[in-house]
Amino acid sequence: MKGNDVESITKLLKEHDVAMSAVKANKLMLQMGLLEEATRESATRPGVMKKYKVLSEKGLDYGVNEENPQSPDQTSPYYYKDSFPELARLLLEAERASGK
């Protein structure tokens, strides 16, 4: 069951000894449909769009999108600690399937 205790992907990968970078995990989650890219206008460069990642509807089973304190118009994904082992298993399977 989903808990309220969330953490960054970087910290959870380290805590669970998953030999994968957060960048690689994010790429895999984009491919799996757990993350999506969203855009917002740059705060310092009007007219320039910035991309960021958010959990998709499917991805919300594994975490939440929380407001980013540095960019109020943007959220950042944080992952449920109690369901992370399942997400880690899916990531490792996706990595093996991609052959990389």
N, C-alpha and C. Protein backbone atom coordinates (compact mmCIF):
# COMPACT_ATOMS: atom_id res chain seq x y z
N MET A 1 0.85 -1.20 0.00
CA MET A 1 0.00 0.00 0.00
C MET A 1 0.88 1.24 0.00
N LYS A 2 0.40 2.28 -0.63
CA LYS A 2 1.16 3.51 -0.71
C LYS A 2 1.26 4.18 0.65
N GLY A 3 2.46 4.67 0.94
CA GLY A 3 2.65 5.42 2.18
C GLY A 3 2.88 6.88 1.88
N ASN A 4 3.03 7.67 2.91
CA ASN A 4 3.30 9.08 2.73
C ASN A 4 4.79 9.38 2.78
N ASP A 5 5.59 8.37 3.10
CA ASP A 5 7.02 8.55 3.24
C ASP A 5 7.66 8.47 1.86
N VAL A 6 8.15 9.61 1.35
CA VAL A 6 8.71 9.66 0.00
C VAL A 6 10.15 10.14 0.03
N GLU A 7 10.87 9.82 -1.05
CA GLU A 7 12.28 10.18 -1.15
C GLU A 7 12.64 10.35 -2.61
N SER A 8 13.77 10.97 -2.87
CA SER A 8 14.24 11.16 -4.25
C SER A 8 14.71 9.82 -4.82
N ILE A 9 14.68 9.72 -6.14
CA ILE A 9 15.12 8.49 -6.80
C ILE A 9 16.59 8.23 -6.50
N THR A 10 17.40 9.27 -6.47
CA THR A 10 18.84 9.12 -6.21
C THR A 10 19.08 8.45 -4.86
N LYS A 11 18.42 8.95 -3.85
CA LYS A 11 18.62 8.42 -2.50
C LYS A 11 18.11 6.98 -2.39
N LEU A 12 16.95 6.69 -2.99
CA LEU A 12 16.39 5.34 -2.91
C LEU A 12 17.24 4.33 -3.68
N LEU A 13 17.78 4.72 -4.82
CA LEU A 13 18.66 3.81 -5.56
C LEU A 13 19.87 3.44 -4.71
N LYS A 14 20.45 4.42 -4.03
CA LYS A 14 21.61 4.17 -3.16
C LYS A 14 21.23 3.31 -1.97
N GLU A 15 20.12 3.65 -1.30
CA GLU A 15 19.68 2.90 -0.11
C GLU A 15 19.40 1.44 -0.41
N HIS A 16 18.94 1.15 -1.63
CA HIS A 16 18.59 -0.22 -2.01
C HIS A 16 19.68 -0.90 -2.83
N ASP A 17 20.87 -0.27 -2.86
CA ASP A 17 22.01 -0.83 -3.59
C ASP A 17 21.69 -1.21 -5.03
N VAL A 18 20.93 -0.34 -5.70
CA VAL A 18 20.62 -0.54 -7.11
C VAL A 18 21.70 0.18 -7.91
N ALA A 19 22.47 -0.59 -8.67
CA ALA A 19 23.60 -0.04 -9.43
C ALA A 19 23.09 0.63 -10.70
N MET A 20 22.46 1.77 -10.51
CA MET A 20 21.89 2.50 -11.64
C MET A 20 21.86 3.98 -11.26
N SER A 21 22.18 4.84 -12.22
CA SER A 21 22.12 6.28 -11.95
C SER A 21 20.67 6.75 -12.02
N ALA A 22 20.43 7.90 -11.42
CA ALA A 22 19.09 8.50 -11.50
C ALA A 22 18.75 8.86 -12.94
N VAL A 23 19.76 9.29 -13.71
CA VAL A 23 19.53 9.63 -15.12
C VAL A 23 19.05 8.40 -15.88
N LYS A 24 19.72 7.26 -15.67
CA LYS A 24 19.34 6.00 -16.34
C LYS A 24 17.93 5.59 -15.90
N ALA A 25 17.66 5.66 -14.59
CA ALA A 25 16.35 5.29 -14.06
C ALA A 25 15.26 6.16 -14.69
N ASN A 26 15.53 7.46 -14.80
CA ASN A 26 14.55 8.37 -15.41
C ASN A 26 14.31 8.02 -16.87
N LYS A 27 15.36 7.71 -17.61
CA LYS A 27 15.21 7.33 -19.03
C LYS A 27 14.35 6.08 -19.15
N LEU A 28 14.62 5.09 -18.29
CA LEU A 28 13.83 3.86 -18.32
C LEU A 28 12.37 4.13 -17.96
N MET A 29 12.15 4.97 -16.95
CA MET A 29 10.77 5.27 -16.55
C MET A 29 10.02 6.05 -17.63
N LEU A 30 10.74 6.87 -18.39
CA LEU A 30 10.11 7.54 -19.54
C LEU A 30 9.67 6.49 -20.57
N GLN A 31 10.55 5.53 -20.86
CA GLN A 31 10.23 4.47 -21.81
C GLN A 31 9.07 3.60 -21.32
N MET A 32 9.00 3.39 -20.01
CA MET A 32 7.97 2.53 -19.42
C MET A 32 6.64 3.27 -19.25
N GLY A 33 6.65 4.58 -19.48
CA GLY A 33 5.42 5.36 -19.32
C GLY A 33 5.13 5.76 -17.88
N LEU A 34 6.13 5.65 -17.00
CA LEU A 34 5.94 6.04 -15.61
C LEU A 34 6.23 7.52 -15.41
N LEU A 35 7.08 8.07 -16.27
CA LEU A 35 7.40 9.50 -16.24
C LEU A 35 7.01 10.12 -17.58
N GLU A 36 6.73 11.42 -17.55
CA GLU A 36 6.46 12.18 -18.77
C GLU A 36 7.25 13.48 -18.67
N GLU A 37 7.51 14.08 -19.82
CA GLU A 37 8.15 15.39 -19.81
C GLU A 37 7.07 16.46 -19.85
N ALA A 38 7.28 17.48 -19.04
CA ALA A 38 6.39 18.64 -19.03
C ALA A 38 7.26 19.86 -19.33
N THR A 39 6.65 20.98 -19.63
CA THR A 39 7.40 22.20 -19.91
C THR A 39 6.84 23.37 -19.11
N ARG A 40 7.72 24.32 -18.89
CA ARG A 40 7.34 25.58 -18.26
C ARG A 40 8.23 26.67 -18.85
N GLU A 41 7.79 27.90 -18.75
CA GLU A 41 8.60 29.01 -19.24
C GLU A 41 9.72 29.30 -18.25
N SER A 42 10.90 29.59 -18.76
CA SER A 42 12.05 29.94 -17.93
C SER A 42 11.75 31.21 -17.14
N ALA A 43 12.15 31.23 -15.88
CA ALA A 43 11.93 32.41 -15.04
C ALA A 43 12.91 33.52 -15.40
N THR A 44 14.08 33.15 -15.91
CA THR A 44 15.12 34.15 -16.20
C THR A 44 15.22 34.51 -17.67
N ARG A 45 14.67 33.66 -18.54
CA ARG A 45 14.76 33.90 -19.98
C ARG A 45 13.37 33.78 -20.61
N PRO A 46 12.62 34.88 -20.61
CA PRO A 46 11.26 34.86 -21.17
C PRO A 46 11.24 34.29 -22.58
N GLY A 47 10.24 33.45 -22.84
CA GLY A 47 10.09 32.85 -24.15
C GLY A 47 10.83 31.52 -24.30
N VAL A 48 11.73 31.22 -23.36
CA VAL A 48 12.48 29.96 -23.40
C VAL A 48 11.74 28.93 -22.54
N MET A 49 11.48 27.78 -23.13
CA MET A 49 10.76 26.73 -22.41
C MET A 49 11.75 25.75 -21.77
N LYS A 50 11.50 25.40 -20.54
CA LYS A 50 12.32 24.43 -19.80
C LYS A 50 11.55 23.12 -19.71
N LYS A 51 12.25 21.99 -19.85
CA LYS A 51 11.62 20.68 -19.71
C LYS A 51 11.92 20.13 -18.32
N TYR A 52 10.96 19.40 -17.79
CA TYR A 52 11.16 18.70 -16.52
C TYR A 52 10.31 17.44 -16.53
N LYS A 53 10.60 16.54 -15.62
CA LYS A 53 9.90 15.26 -15.60
C LYS A 53 8.87 15.22 -14.47
N VAL A 54 7.73 14.60 -14.79
CA VAL A 54 6.67 14.40 -13.80
C VAL A 54 6.20 12.95 -13.88
N LEU A 55 5.72 12.45 -12.78
CA LEU A 55 5.13 11.11 -12.79
C LEU A 55 3.83 11.14 -13.59
N SER A 56 3.67 10.16 -14.45
CA SER A 56 2.44 10.02 -15.23
C SER A 56 1.37 9.40 -14.34
N GLU A 57 0.17 9.27 -14.88
CA GLU A 57 -0.92 8.61 -14.14
C GLU A 57 -0.46 7.23 -13.67
N LYS A 58 0.16 6.48 -14.56
CA LYS A 58 0.68 5.13 -14.24
C LYS A 58 1.79 5.21 -13.18
N GLY A 59 2.61 6.24 -13.27
CA GLY A 59 3.73 6.40 -12.34
C GLY A 59 3.31 6.78 -10.93
N LEU A 60 2.09 7.33 -10.81
CA LEU A 60 1.61 7.74 -9.49
C LEU A 60 1.40 6.55 -8.54
N ASP A 61 1.46 5.33 -9.07
CA ASP A 61 1.42 4.15 -8.20
C ASP A 61 2.70 4.06 -7.37
N TYR A 62 3.76 4.71 -7.83
CA TYR A 62 5.07 4.59 -7.18
C TYR A 62 5.55 5.87 -6.51
N GLY A 63 4.81 6.96 -6.64
CA GLY A 63 5.25 8.20 -6.02
C GLY A 63 4.28 9.34 -6.23
N VAL A 64 4.77 10.54 -5.94
CA VAL A 64 3.96 11.76 -6.04
C VAL A 64 4.78 12.86 -6.71
N ASN A 65 4.09 13.80 -7.31
CA ASN A 65 4.73 15.00 -7.85
C ASN A 65 4.59 16.09 -6.80
N GLU A 66 5.74 16.55 -6.27
CA GLU A 66 5.71 17.60 -5.25
C GLU A 66 6.26 18.89 -5.84
N GLU A 67 5.70 20.01 -5.38
CA GLU A 67 6.15 21.31 -5.87
C GLU A 67 7.64 21.47 -5.60
N ASN A 68 8.35 21.98 -6.61
CA ASN A 68 9.78 22.23 -6.49
C ASN A 68 9.96 23.60 -5.85
N PRO A 69 10.60 23.69 -4.67
CA PRO A 69 10.75 24.97 -3.99
C PRO A 69 11.54 26.00 -4.80
N GLN A 70 12.49 25.54 -5.64
CA GLN A 70 13.28 26.46 -6.45
C GLN A 70 12.49 26.98 -7.66
N SER A 71 11.49 26.22 -8.10
CA SER A 71 10.66 26.62 -9.25
C SER A 71 9.21 26.33 -8.93
N PRO A 72 8.49 27.30 -8.37
CA PRO A 72 7.10 27.07 -7.97
C PRO A 72 6.17 26.60 -9.10
N ASP A 73 6.51 26.89 -10.37
CA ASP A 73 5.68 26.44 -11.49
C ASP A 73 5.99 25.01 -11.91
N GLN A 74 6.84 24.34 -11.16
CA GLN A 74 7.34 23.02 -11.56
C GLN A 74 7.21 22.05 -10.39
N THR A 75 6.98 20.78 -10.71
CA THR A 75 6.98 19.74 -9.69
C THR A 75 8.15 18.81 -9.93
N SER A 76 8.49 18.04 -8.92
CA SER A 76 9.53 17.02 -9.02
C SER A 76 8.96 15.72 -8.49
N PRO A 77 9.31 14.59 -9.12
CA PRO A 77 8.81 13.32 -8.63
C PRO A 77 9.56 12.85 -7.39
N TYR A 78 8.81 12.35 -6.43
CA TYR A 78 9.36 11.71 -5.24
C TYR A 78 8.67 10.36 -5.13
N TYR A 79 9.41 9.37 -4.65
CA TYR A 79 8.96 7.98 -4.72
C TYR A 79 8.66 7.43 -3.34
N TYR A 80 7.59 6.60 -3.28
CA TYR A 80 7.21 5.97 -2.02
C TYR A 80 8.28 4.98 -1.60
N LYS A 81 8.74 5.12 -0.36
CA LYS A 81 9.76 4.20 0.14
C LYS A 81 9.25 2.76 0.18
N ASP A 82 7.98 2.57 0.56
CA ASP A 82 7.47 1.21 0.74
C ASP A 82 7.21 0.47 -0.57
N SER A 83 7.03 1.20 -1.68
CA SER A 83 6.82 0.50 -2.96
C SER A 83 8.06 0.57 -3.85
N PHE A 84 9.14 1.16 -3.34
CA PHE A 84 10.34 1.29 -4.16
C PHE A 84 10.95 -0.06 -4.55
N PRO A 85 10.94 -1.07 -3.68
CA PRO A 85 11.51 -2.36 -4.13
C PRO A 85 10.84 -2.89 -5.41
N GLU A 86 9.54 -2.72 -5.52
CA GLU A 86 8.84 -3.16 -6.73
C GLU A 86 9.28 -2.31 -7.94
N LEU A 87 9.40 -1.00 -7.74
CA LEU A 87 9.85 -0.13 -8.82
C LEU A 87 11.28 -0.48 -9.22
N ALA A 88 12.13 -0.75 -8.25
CA ALA A 88 13.52 -1.12 -8.54
C ALA A 88 13.57 -2.40 -9.37
N ARG A 89 12.72 -3.36 -9.04
CA ARG A 89 12.67 -4.61 -9.81
C ARG A 89 12.27 -4.33 -11.26
N LEU A 90 11.26 -3.47 -11.45
CA LEU A 90 10.82 -3.12 -12.80
C LEU A 90 11.93 -2.41 -13.58
N LEU A 91 12.65 -1.52 -12.90
CA LEU A 91 13.74 -0.81 -13.55
C LEU A 91 14.85 -1.77 -13.99
N LEU A 92 15.20 -2.70 -13.11
CA LEU A 92 16.26 -3.66 -13.44
C LEU A 92 15.83 -4.58 -14.58
N GLU A 93 14.57 -4.97 -14.59
CA GLU A 93 14.05 -5.80 -15.69
C GLU A 93 14.08 -5.02 -17.00
N ALA A 94 13.69 -3.76 -16.96
CA ALA A 94 13.70 -2.92 -18.16
C ALA A 94 15.13 -2.71 -18.65
N GLU A 95 16.06 -2.55 -17.73
CA GLU A 95 17.46 -2.38 -18.11
C GLU A 95 17.99 -3.63 -18.80
N ARG A 96 17.68 -4.80 -18.24
CA ARG A 96 18.11 -6.07 -18.85
C ARG A 96 17.47 -6.24 -20.23
N ALA A 97 16.21 -5.91 -20.34
CA ALA A 97 15.48 -6.07 -21.61
C ALA A 97 16.05 -5.14 -22.69
N SER A 98 16.56 -3.98 -22.27
CA SER A 98 17.13 -3.05 -23.24
C SER A 98 18.54 -3.45 -23.64
N GLY A 99 19.12 -4.39 -22.90
CA GLY A 99 20.44 -4.90 -23.22
C GLY A 99 21.57 -3.94 -22.90
N LYS A 100 21.32 -2.98 -22.02
CA LYS A 100 22.35 -2.00 -21.68
C LYS A 100 22.65 -2.03 -20.20
